């Protein structure tokens, strides 16, 4: 019974996702992720404290 319930939930979610992707303007997750990684690396490089040379 658990396998049937899980597969029904998966198929329902899959079909709702396909419907939403075809009929609505859903942003590309990969592009958003790459943009956020670029912004985070820029902020890290900009505000990172310089290393002290103790020599």
N, C-alpha and C. Protein backbone atom coordinates (compact mmCIF):
# COMPACT_ATOMS: atom_id res chain seq x y z
N UNK A 1 0.82 -1.20 0.00
CA UNK A 1 0.00 0.00 0.00
C UNK A 1 0.86 1.25 0.00
N UNK A 2 2.03 1.22 0.65
CA UNK A 2 2.90 2.38 0.71
C UNK A 2 3.46 2.74 -0.66
N UNK A 3 3.80 1.72 -1.46
CA UNK A 3 4.35 1.97 -2.78
C UNK A 3 3.31 2.63 -3.68
N UNK A 4 2.09 2.20 -3.59
CA UNK A 4 1.01 2.78 -4.40
C UNK A 4 0.76 4.24 -4.01
N UNK A 5 0.79 4.52 -2.73
CA UNK A 5 0.56 5.88 -2.25
C UNK A 5 1.70 6.81 -2.68
N UNK A 6 2.94 6.33 -2.57
CA UNK A 6 4.09 7.14 -2.96
C UNK A 6 4.11 7.40 -4.46
N UNK A 7 3.80 6.37 -5.24
CA UNK A 7 3.82 6.55 -6.69
C UNK A 7 2.69 7.48 -7.13
N UNK A 8 1.54 7.42 -6.47
CA UNK A 8 0.45 8.35 -6.79
C UNK A 8 0.85 9.78 -6.48
N UNK A 9 1.50 10.00 -5.34
CA UNK A 9 1.96 11.33 -4.97
C UNK A 9 3.00 11.84 -5.96
N UNK A 10 3.91 10.97 -6.37
CA UNK A 10 4.94 11.34 -7.33
C UNK A 10 4.33 11.72 -8.68
N UNK A 11 3.40 10.91 -9.17
CA UNK A 11 2.76 11.18 -10.46
C UNK A 11 1.93 12.45 -10.40
N UNK A 12 1.25 12.70 -9.29
CA UNK A 12 0.47 13.92 -9.14
C UNK A 12 1.39 15.15 -9.13
N UNK A 13 2.48 15.09 -8.40
CA UNK A 13 3.43 16.19 -8.37
C UNK A 13 4.09 16.43 -9.71
N UNK A 14 4.44 15.36 -10.40
CA UNK A 14 5.04 15.47 -11.71
C UNK A 14 4.09 16.12 -12.70
N UNK A 15 2.85 15.68 -12.71
CA UNK A 15 1.89 16.26 -13.66
C UNK A 15 1.59 17.72 -13.33
N UNK A 16 1.52 18.08 -12.05
CA UNK A 16 1.32 19.49 -11.69
C UNK A 16 2.53 20.33 -12.09
N UNK A 17 3.73 19.80 -11.95
CA UNK A 17 4.93 20.51 -12.35
C UNK A 17 5.01 20.72 -13.85
N UNK A 18 4.64 19.71 -14.61
CA UNK A 18 4.63 19.83 -16.07
C UNK A 18 3.60 20.85 -16.51
N UNK A 19 2.43 20.83 -15.90
CA UNK A 19 1.39 21.81 -16.23
C UNK A 19 1.85 23.23 -15.94
N UNK A 20 2.46 23.44 -14.77
CA UNK A 20 2.93 24.77 -14.40
C UNK A 20 4.05 25.24 -15.33
N UNK A 21 4.96 24.34 -15.71
CA UNK A 21 6.07 24.71 -16.58
C UNK A 21 5.59 25.08 -17.97
N UNK A 22 4.52 24.46 -18.44
CA UNK A 22 4.02 24.75 -19.77
C UNK A 22 3.16 26.01 -19.82
N UNK A 23 2.47 26.33 -18.75
CA UNK A 23 1.49 27.40 -18.79
C UNK A 23 1.89 28.67 -18.06
N UNK A 24 2.95 28.63 -17.28
CA UNK A 24 3.38 29.80 -16.52
C UNK A 24 4.84 30.08 -16.78
N UNK A 25 5.27 31.29 -16.50
CA UNK A 25 6.65 31.69 -16.70
C UNK A 25 7.46 31.33 -15.46
N UNK A 26 7.95 30.10 -15.42
CA UNK A 26 8.72 29.59 -14.30
C UNK A 26 10.19 29.89 -14.57
N UNK A 27 10.92 30.51 -13.61
CA UNK A 27 12.34 30.81 -13.86
C UNK A 27 13.18 29.54 -13.88
N UNK A 28 14.27 29.61 -14.63
CA UNK A 28 15.20 28.49 -14.72
C UNK A 28 16.02 28.43 -13.44
N UNK A 29 15.93 27.35 -12.71
CA UNK A 29 16.58 27.21 -11.41
C UNK A 29 18.10 27.20 -11.56
N UNK A 30 18.60 26.60 -12.60
CA UNK A 30 20.05 26.53 -12.80
C UNK A 30 20.63 27.92 -13.01
N UNK A 31 19.95 28.76 -13.79
CA UNK A 31 20.43 30.12 -14.01
C UNK A 31 20.38 30.93 -12.72
N UNK A 32 19.31 30.77 -11.94
CA UNK A 32 19.21 31.47 -10.67
C UNK A 32 20.31 31.05 -9.71
N UNK A 33 20.58 29.76 -9.64
CA UNK A 33 21.63 29.26 -8.76
C UNK A 33 22.99 29.82 -9.16
N UNK A 34 23.29 29.81 -10.47
CA UNK A 34 24.57 30.34 -10.93
C UNK A 34 24.69 31.83 -10.64
N UNK A 35 23.60 32.57 -10.75
CA UNK A 35 23.61 34.00 -10.44
C UNK A 35 23.90 34.22 -8.96
N UNK A 36 23.25 33.46 -8.10
CA UNK A 36 23.47 33.61 -6.66
C UNK A 36 24.88 33.21 -6.26
N UNK A 37 25.44 32.20 -6.88
CA UNK A 37 26.81 31.80 -6.59
C UNK A 37 27.78 32.90 -7.03
N UNK A 38 27.53 33.51 -8.19
CA UNK A 38 28.38 34.60 -8.66
C UNK A 38 28.32 35.79 -7.71
N UNK A 39 27.12 36.15 -7.27
CA UNK A 39 26.95 37.28 -6.34
C UNK A 39 27.65 36.98 -5.02
N UNK A 40 27.50 35.76 -4.51
CA UNK A 40 28.13 35.39 -3.24
C UNK A 40 29.65 35.43 -3.35
N UNK A 41 30.20 34.96 -4.46
CA UNK A 41 31.65 34.99 -4.62
C UNK A 41 32.15 36.42 -4.77
N UNK A 42 31.39 37.28 -5.44
CA UNK A 42 31.77 38.69 -5.57
C UNK A 42 31.77 39.37 -4.21
N UNK A 43 30.75 39.12 -3.40
CA UNK A 43 30.68 39.71 -2.06
C UNK A 43 31.83 39.20 -1.20
N UNK A 44 32.13 37.91 -1.32
CA UNK A 44 33.23 37.34 -0.53
C UNK A 44 34.56 37.96 -0.92
N UNK A 45 34.80 38.14 -2.20
CA UNK A 45 36.07 38.73 -2.65
C UNK A 45 36.14 40.20 -2.26
N UNK A 46 35.02 40.90 -2.29
CA UNK A 46 35.01 42.33 -2.01
C UNK A 46 35.23 42.62 -0.53
N UNK A 47 34.58 41.89 0.35
CA UNK A 47 34.60 42.20 1.78
C UNK A 47 35.50 41.29 2.59
N UNK A 48 36.32 40.47 1.94
CA UNK A 48 37.21 39.56 2.65
C UNK A 48 38.37 40.36 3.25
N UNK A 49 38.69 40.11 4.51
CA UNK A 49 39.81 40.80 5.16
C UNK A 49 41.11 40.33 4.54
N UNK A 50 42.05 41.26 4.35
CA UNK A 50 43.35 40.83 3.80
C UNK A 50 44.14 40.03 4.84
N UNK A 51 44.97 39.13 4.35
CA UNK A 51 45.80 38.32 5.25
C UNK A 51 46.91 39.18 5.83
N UNK A 52 47.20 38.93 7.11
CA UNK A 52 48.29 39.64 7.76
C UNK A 52 49.57 38.84 7.57
N UNK A 53 50.66 39.55 7.27
CA UNK A 53 51.96 38.93 7.19
C UNK A 53 52.69 39.15 8.50
N UNK A 54 52.88 38.10 9.29
CA UNK A 54 53.53 38.20 10.59
C UNK A 54 55.03 38.03 10.49
N UNK A 55 55.56 37.87 9.30
CA UNK A 55 57.01 37.66 9.14
C UNK A 55 57.79 38.92 9.29
